[in-house]
Every structure is written in structure tokens, then in C-alpha cells.
N, C-alpha and C. Protein backbone atom coordinates (compact mmCIF):
# COMPACT_ATOMS: atom_id res chain seq x y z
N GLU A 1 34.84 -1.69 21.51
CA GLU A 1 33.83 -2.75 21.45
C GLU A 1 33.70 -3.50 22.76
N HIS A 2 34.60 -3.25 23.71
CA HIS A 2 34.56 -3.94 25.00
C HIS A 2 33.82 -3.13 26.06
N CYS A 3 33.30 -1.96 25.71
CA CYS A 3 32.64 -1.08 26.68
C CYS A 3 31.12 -1.14 26.50
N GLY A 4 30.42 -1.22 27.63
CA GLY A 4 28.96 -1.18 27.57
C GLY A 4 28.42 0.21 27.32
N ALA A 5 29.19 1.24 27.69
CA ALA A 5 28.77 2.62 27.47
C ALA A 5 29.99 3.52 27.57
N ILE A 6 29.86 4.71 27.03
CA ILE A 6 30.92 5.72 27.09
C ILE A 6 30.32 6.99 27.69
N LEU A 7 31.01 7.56 28.67
CA LEU A 7 30.57 8.82 29.26
C LEU A 7 31.52 9.91 28.80
N GLU A 8 31.03 10.82 27.96
CA GLU A 8 31.82 11.92 27.43
C GLU A 8 31.55 13.15 28.29
N THR A 9 32.53 13.54 29.11
CA THR A 9 32.29 14.61 30.09
C THR A 9 32.80 15.97 29.63
N TRP A 10 33.56 16.02 28.56
CA TRP A 10 34.11 17.29 28.06
C TRP A 10 34.82 18.03 29.19
N PHE A 11 34.55 19.33 29.37
CA PHE A 11 35.20 20.12 30.43
C PHE A 11 34.16 20.43 31.50
N GLY A 12 34.10 19.58 32.51
CA GLY A 12 33.04 19.68 33.49
C GLY A 12 33.24 20.69 34.59
N GLY A 13 34.46 21.20 34.77
CA GLY A 13 34.69 22.16 35.84
C GLY A 13 34.93 21.49 37.18
N THR A 14 34.91 22.30 38.24
CA THR A 14 35.29 21.82 39.57
C THR A 14 34.31 20.81 40.15
N GLU A 15 33.05 20.81 39.70
CA GLU A 15 32.05 19.87 40.20
C GLU A 15 31.88 18.66 39.29
N ALA A 16 32.83 18.46 38.36
CA ALA A 16 32.70 17.37 37.40
C ALA A 16 32.64 16.01 38.09
N GLY A 17 33.45 15.83 39.14
CA GLY A 17 33.46 14.54 39.83
C GLY A 17 32.12 14.18 40.43
N ASN A 18 31.47 15.14 41.07
CA ASN A 18 30.15 14.89 41.64
C ASN A 18 29.12 14.61 40.55
N ALA A 19 29.22 15.37 39.46
CA ALA A 19 28.26 15.18 38.36
C ALA A 19 28.42 13.81 37.73
N VAL A 20 29.66 13.38 37.50
CA VAL A 20 29.92 12.07 36.91
C VAL A 20 29.42 10.96 37.84
N ALA A 21 29.64 11.12 39.13
CA ALA A 21 29.18 10.11 40.09
C ALA A 21 27.66 10.01 40.08
N ASP A 22 26.97 11.15 40.01
CA ASP A 22 25.51 11.13 39.97
C ASP A 22 24.99 10.36 38.77
N VAL A 23 25.67 10.54 37.61
CA VAL A 23 25.24 9.83 36.41
C VAL A 23 25.54 8.34 36.50
N LEU A 24 26.74 8.00 36.94
CA LEU A 24 27.15 6.59 36.98
C LEU A 24 26.34 5.78 37.97
N PHE A 25 25.93 6.40 39.08
CA PHE A 25 25.16 5.67 40.09
C PHE A 25 23.65 5.80 39.89
N GLY A 26 23.25 6.47 38.80
CA GLY A 26 21.83 6.53 38.48
C GLY A 26 21.04 7.57 39.23
N ASP A 27 21.70 8.48 39.97
CA ASP A 27 20.97 9.54 40.66
C ASP A 27 20.49 10.61 39.70
N TYR A 28 21.13 10.70 38.53
CA TYR A 28 20.73 11.66 37.51
C TYR A 28 20.66 10.94 36.17
N ASN A 29 19.61 11.21 35.41
CA ASN A 29 19.44 10.59 34.11
C ASN A 29 20.09 11.47 33.04
N PRO A 30 21.16 11.03 32.38
CA PRO A 30 21.85 11.88 31.41
C PRO A 30 20.99 12.17 30.19
N SER A 31 21.23 13.34 29.58
CA SER A 31 20.43 13.72 28.41
C SER A 31 21.26 14.50 27.39
N GLY A 32 22.58 14.45 27.50
CA GLY A 32 23.42 15.21 26.58
C GLY A 32 23.41 14.62 25.18
N LYS A 33 23.70 15.49 24.21
CA LYS A 33 23.79 15.08 22.80
C LYS A 33 25.13 15.54 22.22
N LEU A 34 25.66 14.75 21.30
CA LEU A 34 26.96 15.07 20.70
C LEU A 34 26.85 16.28 19.78
N THR A 35 27.83 17.18 19.89
CA THR A 35 27.90 18.35 19.02
C THR A 35 28.89 18.13 17.89
N ALA A 36 29.38 16.91 17.75
CA ALA A 36 30.30 16.55 16.67
C ALA A 36 30.03 15.12 16.25
N THR A 37 30.48 14.77 15.05
CA THR A 37 30.33 13.41 14.54
C THR A 37 31.57 12.60 14.84
N PHE A 38 31.41 11.42 15.43
CA PHE A 38 32.54 10.57 15.78
C PHE A 38 32.72 9.51 14.68
N PRO A 39 33.89 9.45 14.05
CA PRO A 39 34.12 8.47 12.98
C PRO A 39 34.41 7.07 13.53
N ARG A 40 34.23 6.08 12.68
CA ARG A 40 34.63 4.71 13.01
C ARG A 40 36.13 4.52 12.84
N ASP A 41 36.70 5.25 11.89
CA ASP A 41 38.09 5.05 11.52
C ASP A 41 38.65 6.38 11.04
N VAL A 42 39.95 6.58 11.18
CA VAL A 42 40.58 7.84 10.75
C VAL A 42 40.42 8.05 9.24
N GLY A 43 40.24 6.96 8.50
CA GLY A 43 40.06 7.10 7.06
C GLY A 43 38.78 7.81 6.67
N GLN A 44 37.84 7.96 7.60
CA GLN A 44 36.60 8.67 7.32
C GLN A 44 36.72 10.18 7.49
N ILE A 45 37.77 10.64 8.12
CA ILE A 45 37.94 12.06 8.42
C ILE A 45 38.30 12.83 7.16
N PRO A 46 37.69 13.99 6.87
CA PRO A 46 36.69 14.69 7.68
C PRO A 46 35.30 14.06 7.54
N ILE A 47 34.57 14.03 8.65
CA ILE A 47 33.21 13.49 8.64
C ILE A 47 32.32 14.42 9.46
N TYR A 48 31.18 14.77 8.89
CA TYR A 48 30.26 15.67 9.57
C TYR A 48 28.87 15.44 8.99
N TYR A 49 27.84 15.82 9.76
CA TYR A 49 26.48 15.46 9.40
C TYR A 49 25.95 16.25 8.20
N ASN A 50 26.35 17.51 8.05
CA ASN A 50 25.79 18.36 6.99
C ASN A 50 26.71 18.43 5.78
N HIS A 51 27.12 17.26 5.32
CA HIS A 51 27.98 17.18 4.15
C HIS A 51 27.16 17.36 2.86
N LYS A 52 27.83 17.55 1.77
CA LYS A 52 27.16 17.62 0.47
C LYS A 52 26.85 16.21 -0.02
N ASN A 53 25.87 16.10 -0.89
CA ASN A 53 25.49 14.80 -1.45
C ASN A 53 26.53 14.37 -2.47
N THR A 54 27.12 13.19 -2.27
CA THR A 54 28.18 12.73 -3.17
C THR A 54 27.63 11.98 -4.38
N GLY A 55 26.39 11.52 -4.32
CA GLY A 55 25.85 10.71 -5.40
C GLY A 55 26.20 9.24 -5.28
N ARG A 56 27.05 8.90 -4.32
CA ARG A 56 27.41 7.50 -4.08
C ARG A 56 26.66 7.04 -2.84
N PRO A 57 25.69 6.14 -2.97
CA PRO A 57 24.82 5.79 -1.84
C PRO A 57 25.55 5.01 -0.76
N TYR A 58 25.04 5.15 0.47
CA TYR A 58 25.54 4.33 1.56
C TYR A 58 25.18 2.87 1.30
N VAL A 59 25.99 1.97 1.81
CA VAL A 59 25.73 0.54 1.67
C VAL A 59 24.39 0.18 2.31
N SER A 60 24.05 0.89 3.40
CA SER A 60 22.83 0.56 4.14
C SER A 60 21.57 1.10 3.47
N ASP A 61 21.72 1.95 2.46
CA ASP A 61 20.54 2.52 1.80
C ASP A 61 19.86 1.47 0.92
N PRO A 62 18.56 1.25 1.09
CA PRO A 62 17.85 0.26 0.28
C PRO A 62 17.44 0.83 -1.08
N GLY A 63 17.17 -0.03 -2.01
CA GLY A 63 16.58 0.39 -3.27
C GLY A 63 17.56 0.82 -4.34
N TYR A 64 18.88 0.75 -4.09
CA TYR A 64 19.85 1.15 -5.10
C TYR A 64 20.37 -0.08 -5.85
N ARG A 65 20.48 0.06 -7.16
CA ARG A 65 21.04 -1.04 -7.96
C ARG A 65 22.57 -1.04 -7.88
N TYR A 66 23.13 0.18 -7.77
CA TYR A 66 24.59 0.27 -7.71
C TYR A 66 25.02 0.53 -6.27
N VAL A 67 25.95 -0.25 -5.79
CA VAL A 67 26.51 -0.07 -4.46
C VAL A 67 28.03 -0.11 -4.59
N PRO A 68 28.74 0.92 -4.12
CA PRO A 68 30.20 0.91 -4.24
C PRO A 68 30.80 -0.22 -3.41
N ARG A 69 31.74 -0.94 -4.00
CA ARG A 69 32.35 -2.09 -3.33
C ARG A 69 33.74 -1.78 -2.79
N TYR A 70 34.34 -0.67 -3.21
CA TYR A 70 35.70 -0.37 -2.78
C TYR A 70 35.64 0.31 -1.41
N LEU A 71 35.37 -0.49 -0.39
CA LEU A 71 35.22 0.01 0.97
C LEU A 71 35.99 -0.85 1.93
N ASP A 72 36.70 -0.21 2.86
CA ASP A 72 37.42 -0.94 3.89
C ASP A 72 36.63 -1.02 5.18
N VAL A 73 35.82 0.02 5.46
CA VAL A 73 34.98 0.06 6.66
C VAL A 73 33.62 0.60 6.27
N LEU A 74 32.66 0.47 7.16
CA LEU A 74 31.36 1.09 6.93
C LEU A 74 31.54 2.60 6.83
N ASN A 75 30.74 3.24 5.99
CA ASN A 75 30.94 4.68 5.81
C ASN A 75 29.96 5.53 6.60
N ASP A 76 29.20 4.93 7.50
CA ASP A 76 28.40 5.74 8.41
C ASP A 76 29.20 5.97 9.68
N PRO A 77 28.89 7.02 10.45
CA PRO A 77 29.69 7.32 11.64
C PRO A 77 29.49 6.33 12.76
N LEU A 78 30.46 6.28 13.67
CA LEU A 78 30.32 5.45 14.86
C LEU A 78 29.24 6.04 15.77
N TYR A 79 29.31 7.35 15.98
CA TYR A 79 28.29 8.07 16.73
C TYR A 79 27.95 9.35 15.95
N PRO A 80 26.73 9.48 15.47
CA PRO A 80 26.38 10.63 14.63
C PRO A 80 26.17 11.90 15.43
N PHE A 81 26.20 13.02 14.76
CA PHE A 81 25.89 14.32 15.35
C PHE A 81 24.50 14.27 16.00
N GLY A 82 24.40 14.78 17.22
CA GLY A 82 23.12 14.80 17.92
C GLY A 82 22.80 13.54 18.68
N TYR A 83 23.73 12.56 18.70
CA TYR A 83 23.48 11.27 19.35
C TYR A 83 23.71 11.37 20.85
N GLY A 84 22.95 10.60 21.61
CA GLY A 84 23.15 10.54 23.05
C GLY A 84 22.26 9.47 23.66
N LEU A 85 22.70 8.93 24.81
CA LEU A 85 21.95 7.86 25.48
C LEU A 85 21.30 8.37 26.76
N SER A 86 20.37 7.57 27.26
CA SER A 86 19.63 7.89 28.46
C SER A 86 19.34 6.60 29.20
N TYR A 87 18.91 6.71 30.45
CA TYR A 87 18.49 5.52 31.19
C TYR A 87 17.04 5.14 30.88
N THR A 88 16.43 5.88 29.97
CA THR A 88 15.11 5.52 29.47
C THR A 88 15.16 5.56 27.95
N THR A 89 14.08 5.19 27.29
CA THR A 89 14.03 5.20 25.83
C THR A 89 12.86 6.06 25.36
N PHE A 90 13.04 6.67 24.19
CA PHE A 90 12.02 7.55 23.65
C PHE A 90 11.60 7.06 22.26
N SER A 91 10.32 7.24 21.97
CA SER A 91 9.77 6.84 20.67
C SER A 91 9.19 8.07 19.98
N TYR A 92 9.47 8.18 18.67
CA TYR A 92 8.98 9.31 17.87
C TYR A 92 7.88 8.84 16.93
N GLY A 93 6.84 9.66 16.82
CA GLY A 93 5.79 9.40 15.85
C GLY A 93 6.13 10.02 14.51
N ASP A 94 5.21 9.91 13.56
CA ASP A 94 5.41 10.49 12.25
C ASP A 94 5.34 12.01 12.31
N VAL A 95 6.01 12.66 11.38
CA VAL A 95 5.97 14.12 11.29
C VAL A 95 4.65 14.57 10.67
N LYS A 96 3.98 15.50 11.34
CA LYS A 96 2.73 16.05 10.83
C LYS A 96 2.93 17.52 10.50
N LEU A 97 2.43 17.94 9.35
CA LEU A 97 2.61 19.32 8.89
C LEU A 97 1.26 20.03 8.81
N SER A 98 1.26 21.33 9.15
CA SER A 98 0.03 22.11 9.07
C SER A 98 -0.38 22.35 7.62
N LYS A 99 0.60 22.35 6.69
CA LYS A 99 0.34 22.52 5.26
C LYS A 99 1.39 21.74 4.49
N THR A 100 1.06 21.44 3.23
CA THR A 100 2.06 20.83 2.35
C THR A 100 2.40 21.73 1.17
N VAL A 101 1.65 22.82 1.01
CA VAL A 101 1.93 23.82 -0.03
C VAL A 101 1.86 25.20 0.62
N LEU A 102 2.95 25.96 0.52
CA LEU A 102 3.01 27.28 1.14
C LEU A 102 3.53 28.30 0.13
N ALA A 103 3.31 29.58 0.46
CA ALA A 103 3.77 30.66 -0.41
C ALA A 103 4.16 31.86 0.44
N GLY A 104 5.21 32.56 -0.03
CA GLY A 104 5.60 33.81 0.60
C GLY A 104 6.01 33.66 2.05
N GLU A 105 5.52 34.59 2.87
CA GLU A 105 5.92 34.66 4.28
C GLU A 105 5.04 33.83 5.21
N GLU A 106 4.45 32.79 4.71
CA GLU A 106 3.63 31.93 5.56
C GLU A 106 4.50 31.21 6.59
N THR A 107 3.85 30.70 7.62
CA THR A 107 4.54 29.92 8.66
C THR A 107 4.06 28.48 8.62
N LEU A 108 5.01 27.57 8.65
CA LEU A 108 4.70 26.14 8.66
C LEU A 108 4.86 25.59 10.06
N LEU A 109 3.89 24.82 10.50
CA LEU A 109 3.98 24.13 11.78
C LEU A 109 4.30 22.67 11.53
N ALA A 110 5.39 22.19 12.14
CA ALA A 110 5.78 20.79 12.04
C ALA A 110 5.68 20.17 13.43
N LEU A 111 4.92 19.08 13.53
CA LEU A 111 4.64 18.46 14.82
C LEU A 111 5.09 17.01 14.82
N VAL A 112 5.52 16.55 15.99
CA VAL A 112 5.88 15.15 16.16
C VAL A 112 5.52 14.74 17.59
N SER A 113 5.07 13.52 17.74
CA SER A 113 4.71 13.01 19.06
C SER A 113 5.91 12.29 19.66
N LEU A 114 6.27 12.66 20.90
CA LEU A 114 7.39 12.05 21.61
C LEU A 114 6.86 11.32 22.83
N THR A 115 7.26 10.06 23.00
CA THR A 115 6.77 9.24 24.11
C THR A 115 7.94 8.65 24.88
N ASN A 116 7.86 8.72 26.20
CA ASN A 116 8.84 8.06 27.07
C ASN A 116 8.40 6.61 27.27
N MET A 117 9.15 5.68 26.66
CA MET A 117 8.77 4.28 26.68
C MET A 117 9.36 3.51 27.87
N GLY A 118 10.22 4.16 28.64
CA GLY A 118 10.90 3.46 29.72
C GLY A 118 10.21 3.61 31.07
N GLU A 119 10.96 3.26 32.11
CA GLU A 119 10.43 3.27 33.46
C GLU A 119 11.00 4.39 34.32
N ARG A 120 11.75 5.31 33.68
CA ARG A 120 12.32 6.43 34.41
C ARG A 120 12.02 7.73 33.70
N ALA A 121 11.87 8.80 34.48
CA ALA A 121 11.70 10.13 33.88
C ALA A 121 13.00 10.52 33.19
N GLY A 122 12.89 11.25 32.10
CA GLY A 122 14.09 11.64 31.38
C GLY A 122 13.82 12.76 30.40
N LYS A 123 14.90 13.30 29.84
CA LYS A 123 14.82 14.37 28.87
C LYS A 123 15.38 13.90 27.53
N ASP A 124 14.79 14.39 26.46
CA ASP A 124 15.33 14.14 25.13
C ASP A 124 15.34 15.44 24.35
N THR A 125 16.35 15.62 23.52
CA THR A 125 16.46 16.81 22.69
C THR A 125 15.89 16.50 21.32
N VAL A 126 14.73 17.05 21.04
CA VAL A 126 14.06 16.85 19.75
C VAL A 126 14.70 17.81 18.74
N GLN A 127 15.20 17.25 17.64
CA GLN A 127 15.99 18.04 16.69
C GLN A 127 15.26 18.19 15.36
N LEU A 128 15.31 19.41 14.81
CA LEU A 128 14.67 19.75 13.54
C LEU A 128 15.76 19.99 12.49
N TYR A 129 15.67 19.25 11.39
CA TYR A 129 16.60 19.41 10.27
C TYR A 129 15.81 19.75 9.01
N LEU A 130 16.38 20.61 8.17
CA LEU A 130 15.76 20.97 6.90
C LEU A 130 16.73 20.68 5.77
N SER A 131 16.19 20.33 4.62
CA SER A 131 17.01 20.16 3.42
C SER A 131 16.21 20.58 2.19
N GLN A 132 16.93 21.01 1.17
CA GLN A 132 16.33 21.41 -0.09
C GLN A 132 17.03 20.65 -1.21
N PRO A 133 16.37 19.64 -1.81
CA PRO A 133 17.03 18.80 -2.81
C PRO A 133 17.53 19.56 -4.03
N GLY A 134 16.78 20.61 -4.46
CA GLY A 134 17.17 21.34 -5.66
C GLY A 134 17.28 22.82 -5.41
N ALA A 135 18.46 23.41 -5.70
CA ALA A 135 18.67 24.84 -5.52
C ALA A 135 19.73 25.30 -6.52
N SER A 136 19.98 26.62 -6.57
CA SER A 136 20.95 27.16 -7.53
C SER A 136 22.38 26.78 -7.16
N VAL A 137 22.63 26.47 -5.90
CA VAL A 137 23.92 25.94 -5.46
C VAL A 137 23.66 24.65 -4.69
N THR A 138 24.66 23.80 -4.62
CA THR A 138 24.50 22.53 -3.93
C THR A 138 24.30 22.75 -2.44
N ARG A 139 23.23 22.18 -1.92
CA ARG A 139 22.92 22.30 -0.50
C ARG A 139 23.40 21.08 0.27
N SER A 140 23.52 21.23 1.57
CA SER A 140 23.87 20.09 2.43
C SER A 140 22.72 19.09 2.44
N VAL A 141 23.03 17.85 2.76
CA VAL A 141 21.99 16.82 2.81
C VAL A 141 20.95 17.16 3.88
N GLU A 142 21.37 17.88 4.94
CA GLU A 142 20.46 18.36 5.96
C GLU A 142 21.18 19.38 6.82
N ASP A 143 20.41 20.33 7.36
CA ASP A 143 20.96 21.36 8.24
C ASP A 143 20.10 21.46 9.49
N LEU A 144 20.74 21.51 10.65
CA LEU A 144 20.02 21.68 11.91
C LEU A 144 19.42 23.08 11.95
N ARG A 145 18.11 23.17 12.19
CA ARG A 145 17.44 24.46 12.20
C ARG A 145 16.69 24.72 13.51
N GLY A 146 16.72 23.78 14.43
CA GLY A 146 16.05 24.02 15.71
C GLY A 146 16.09 22.78 16.58
N PHE A 147 15.87 22.98 17.87
CA PHE A 147 15.80 21.84 18.80
C PHE A 147 15.05 22.28 20.05
N GLN A 148 14.46 21.30 20.71
CA GLN A 148 13.74 21.53 21.96
C GLN A 148 14.06 20.38 22.91
N LYS A 149 14.37 20.73 24.16
CA LYS A 149 14.63 19.70 25.17
C LYS A 149 13.35 19.48 25.95
N VAL A 150 12.89 18.22 25.96
CA VAL A 150 11.59 17.88 26.54
C VAL A 150 11.79 16.85 27.65
N ARG A 151 11.18 17.12 28.80
CA ARG A 151 11.23 16.18 29.92
C ARG A 151 9.89 15.45 30.02
N LEU A 152 9.97 14.12 30.09
CA LEU A 152 8.77 13.30 30.16
C LEU A 152 8.85 12.30 31.30
N GLN A 153 7.72 12.07 31.95
CA GLN A 153 7.61 11.04 32.95
C GLN A 153 7.44 9.67 32.27
N PRO A 154 7.65 8.57 32.96
CA PRO A 154 7.47 7.25 32.34
C PRO A 154 6.08 7.09 31.74
N GLY A 155 6.02 6.70 30.46
CA GLY A 155 4.76 6.51 29.78
C GLY A 155 4.11 7.78 29.27
N GLU A 156 4.68 8.93 29.59
CA GLU A 156 4.08 10.21 29.16
C GLU A 156 4.40 10.48 27.69
N ALA A 157 3.44 11.06 26.98
CA ALA A 157 3.62 11.46 25.58
C ALA A 157 3.31 12.94 25.45
N ARG A 158 4.03 13.60 24.54
CA ARG A 158 3.80 15.02 24.32
C ARG A 158 4.02 15.34 22.85
N GLU A 159 3.24 16.28 22.34
CA GLU A 159 3.39 16.72 20.96
C GLU A 159 4.32 17.92 20.93
N VAL A 160 5.41 17.80 20.19
CA VAL A 160 6.40 18.86 20.08
C VAL A 160 6.19 19.59 18.76
N THR A 161 6.15 20.92 18.82
CA THR A 161 5.84 21.73 17.64
C THR A 161 6.99 22.67 17.31
N PHE A 162 7.34 22.72 16.02
CA PHE A 162 8.32 23.67 15.51
C PHE A 162 7.63 24.63 14.54
N ARG A 163 7.97 25.92 14.64
CA ARG A 163 7.46 26.94 13.71
C ARG A 163 8.57 27.23 12.70
N ILE A 164 8.27 27.00 11.42
CA ILE A 164 9.24 27.18 10.35
C ILE A 164 8.79 28.34 9.46
N THR A 165 9.66 29.31 9.26
CA THR A 165 9.39 30.47 8.42
C THR A 165 10.42 30.52 7.30
N PRO A 166 10.23 31.39 6.29
CA PRO A 166 11.23 31.52 5.23
C PRO A 166 12.63 31.86 5.74
N GLU A 167 12.71 32.45 6.92
CA GLU A 167 14.03 32.76 7.49
C GLU A 167 14.84 31.48 7.71
N ASP A 168 14.15 30.39 8.02
CA ASP A 168 14.82 29.11 8.25
C ASP A 168 15.27 28.45 6.95
N LEU A 169 14.79 28.94 5.82
CA LEU A 169 15.12 28.33 4.52
C LEU A 169 16.31 29.01 3.83
N LYS A 170 16.81 30.08 4.42
CA LYS A 170 17.82 30.90 3.75
C LYS A 170 19.20 30.24 3.74
N PHE A 171 19.97 30.60 2.71
CA PHE A 171 21.36 30.16 2.57
C PHE A 171 22.09 31.19 1.72
N TYR A 172 23.41 31.10 1.66
CA TYR A 172 24.19 32.01 0.83
C TYR A 172 24.27 31.45 -0.59
N ASN A 173 23.74 32.22 -1.55
CA ASN A 173 23.77 31.77 -2.94
C ASN A 173 25.10 32.13 -3.60
N SER A 174 25.18 31.94 -4.91
CA SER A 174 26.44 32.18 -5.62
C SER A 174 26.86 33.65 -5.62
N LYS A 175 25.92 34.55 -5.34
CA LYS A 175 26.24 35.98 -5.25
C LYS A 175 26.49 36.41 -3.81
N LEU A 176 26.59 35.43 -2.91
CA LEU A 176 26.79 35.67 -1.48
C LEU A 176 25.64 36.46 -0.87
N GLU A 177 24.44 36.26 -1.44
CA GLU A 177 23.24 36.86 -0.89
C GLU A 177 22.55 35.83 0.01
N TYR A 178 22.19 36.27 1.20
CA TYR A 178 21.53 35.37 2.16
C TYR A 178 20.03 35.40 1.89
N ASP A 179 19.56 34.42 1.15
CA ASP A 179 18.17 34.42 0.70
C ASP A 179 17.69 32.98 0.58
N TRP A 180 16.42 32.83 0.25
CA TRP A 180 15.89 31.49 0.05
C TRP A 180 15.29 31.38 -1.34
N GLU A 181 15.20 30.16 -1.84
CA GLU A 181 14.68 29.90 -3.18
C GLU A 181 13.48 28.96 -3.08
N PRO A 182 12.50 29.14 -3.95
CA PRO A 182 11.32 28.26 -3.91
C PRO A 182 11.67 26.85 -4.34
N GLY A 183 10.82 25.92 -3.96
CA GLY A 183 11.02 24.53 -4.35
C GLY A 183 10.52 23.57 -3.31
N GLU A 184 11.03 22.36 -3.36
CA GLU A 184 10.66 21.33 -2.39
C GLU A 184 11.60 21.39 -1.20
N PHE A 185 11.03 21.24 -0.01
CA PHE A 185 11.80 21.21 1.22
C PHE A 185 11.40 19.96 2.02
N ILE A 186 12.40 19.32 2.60
CA ILE A 186 12.16 18.13 3.41
C ILE A 186 12.39 18.49 4.87
N ILE A 187 11.38 18.24 5.69
CA ILE A 187 11.45 18.51 7.12
C ILE A 187 11.71 17.19 7.83
N ARG A 188 12.77 17.15 8.61
CA ARG A 188 13.14 15.93 9.34
C ARG A 188 13.21 16.24 10.84
N ILE A 189 12.63 15.37 11.64
CA ILE A 189 12.61 15.54 13.09
C ILE A 189 12.97 14.22 13.75
N GLY A 190 13.82 14.28 14.78
CA GLY A 190 14.17 13.05 15.48
C GLY A 190 15.14 13.30 16.62
N GLY A 191 15.70 12.22 17.15
CA GLY A 191 16.58 12.29 18.30
C GLY A 191 18.04 12.45 17.97
N SER A 192 18.43 12.30 16.70
CA SER A 192 19.80 12.54 16.26
C SER A 192 19.77 12.75 14.75
N SER A 193 20.92 13.12 14.18
CA SER A 193 20.97 13.41 12.75
C SER A 193 20.78 12.17 11.89
N SER A 194 20.86 10.97 12.49
CA SER A 194 20.71 9.74 11.72
C SER A 194 19.43 8.98 12.03
N GLN A 195 18.65 9.45 12.98
CA GLN A 195 17.38 8.80 13.33
C GLN A 195 16.26 9.83 13.24
N LEU A 196 15.72 9.97 12.03
CA LEU A 196 14.79 11.06 11.75
C LEU A 196 13.55 10.56 11.03
N ARG A 197 12.41 11.19 11.32
CA ARG A 197 11.18 11.02 10.55
C ARG A 197 11.05 12.22 9.63
N SER A 198 10.49 12.04 8.44
CA SER A 198 10.50 13.12 7.46
C SER A 198 9.15 13.33 6.80
N ALA A 199 8.96 14.53 6.27
CA ALA A 199 7.80 14.91 5.46
C ALA A 199 8.25 16.06 4.57
N SER A 200 7.58 16.26 3.45
CA SER A 200 8.02 17.27 2.49
C SER A 200 6.91 18.27 2.18
N VAL A 201 7.34 19.48 1.80
CA VAL A 201 6.42 20.55 1.41
C VAL A 201 6.97 21.23 0.16
N ARG A 202 6.10 21.96 -0.51
CA ARG A 202 6.52 22.82 -1.61
C ARG A 202 6.24 24.26 -1.19
N TRP A 203 7.25 25.13 -1.38
CA TRP A 203 7.16 26.51 -0.90
C TRP A 203 7.52 27.44 -2.04
N SER A 204 6.58 28.28 -2.44
CA SER A 204 6.82 29.23 -3.53
C SER A 204 7.02 30.63 -2.96
N LYS A 205 7.61 31.51 -3.78
CA LYS A 205 7.88 32.87 -3.32
C LYS A 205 6.61 33.70 -3.22
N GLN A 206 5.70 33.51 -4.17
CA GLN A 206 4.47 34.30 -4.21
C GLN A 206 3.27 33.37 -4.23
N ALA A 207 2.19 33.86 -3.64
CA ALA A 207 0.95 33.10 -3.63
C ALA A 207 0.39 33.00 -5.04
N VAL A 208 -0.21 31.85 -5.37
CA VAL A 208 -0.82 31.64 -6.66
C VAL A 208 -2.23 32.20 -6.64
N THR A 209 -2.52 33.08 -7.59
CA THR A 209 -3.86 33.67 -7.67
C THR A 209 -4.57 33.16 -8.91
N THR A 210 -5.86 33.01 -8.81
CA THR A 210 -6.67 32.56 -9.94
C THR A 210 -7.66 33.63 -10.32
N LYS A 211 -7.89 33.79 -11.60
CA LYS A 211 -8.84 34.78 -12.10
C LYS A 211 -10.22 34.14 -12.31
N THR A 212 -11.22 34.85 -11.97
CA THR A 212 -12.60 34.39 -12.18
C THR A 212 -13.34 35.39 -13.03
N GLN A 213 -14.24 34.91 -13.83
CA GLN A 213 -15.03 35.77 -14.70
C GLN A 213 -16.51 35.67 -14.30
């Protein structure tokens, strides 16, 4: 709590010192993202972004009548998966979908507008997460299914597009078959696993046909 920022350098190699100096003195704008979830306390371990739904809501979640009180610390992570800072700031628009009802091998386009709100050029990693609320086996609350690193000048905005196919919906079912099941899917896009904009679609296995007389 006494640090203004943390620089996580991992294994930088022989040029790590020069790279760290470039970041600290502002010659390079950092754009790394965490590949692991950092807990607030050891009592939270194991902690990871793609956990199963426990049915016990977070304290910060609005709209719940029941909130668990037997808590020693906050149960959200200190730094979530996909988190990272920059010398500029980025703003995300709402998620736009090419369709809200799909069937079979169709392709869904998910778009989001990314804007550099700061005064320096920088890069941000736009992350795509998918979830399926109802399936034959319990699914994770969200799974990373894609990402794009985008460089923007100060004040520049760009529309980032993800192509989603049934291949992205697959998981191992109870028979250990790697397949996908029809139903509702939630598409989430944002700068980390905890800062996401969302939209939902319904995806069936076969196209619906109507008979005419």
C-alpha cells in the first residue's frame, strides 16, 4: 500500500536493466498484462479468473438480497488476470454484435471501440472472453478466447473486431468429447478479466426452417 506502482519484470534476460530503465524514465510506454491472478491474501489461494460459479455472490455485486458475511478480506483479487498499467489511459465502448441469433457454422463478429484518452501513444491488449451460463457440465464463469494488441496515438480511436466461430465455443463434455452445445453465450471484451463490456447471443446447432404453403 506504500507503493505508487509495481514493475513486474519476470525473466528479462541480459538486457533487462536497459529495458527497466527505459520504462522507469518514460522512454518506453509499458503495455504488459498479467498472465496470472494476484491474490490479496494467502487465504484466497487458489485464485484464478476462470473459476466455476460458486453461487455465493461477491460483496461488490449489486442487486443481491443475500450477501455472505463470514469474510475476513475482500474476495476479489488484488490484481486480476489480464491486468496492466500504462502511461496513458484507454476507454472501451459497448460491445456490438453482427447478430444476436445464430445457427450452425455461422461466424459472429464482435466489435468494440477503443480510444486512447491520454496524452501519450500507447498499446493496449484487447481481450475477448466467452461464457455459457447453461451446459451439460458446469462451465467456467469466463474463458479467454482471443486478444489483440492495439497501438493508438493520443486521442485516436479504433474499432477492434473479433471473429467468433463454433470452434471457440467448444469444451470437453462428460464423455470427454470436445464439442459445443447450443444455448446462450455471453461475449465479454475489455482490458482485463475484471473490466469487461458484455453482450449475449443465442446459438443453435441447426438453422430454423419454416414451411410455406
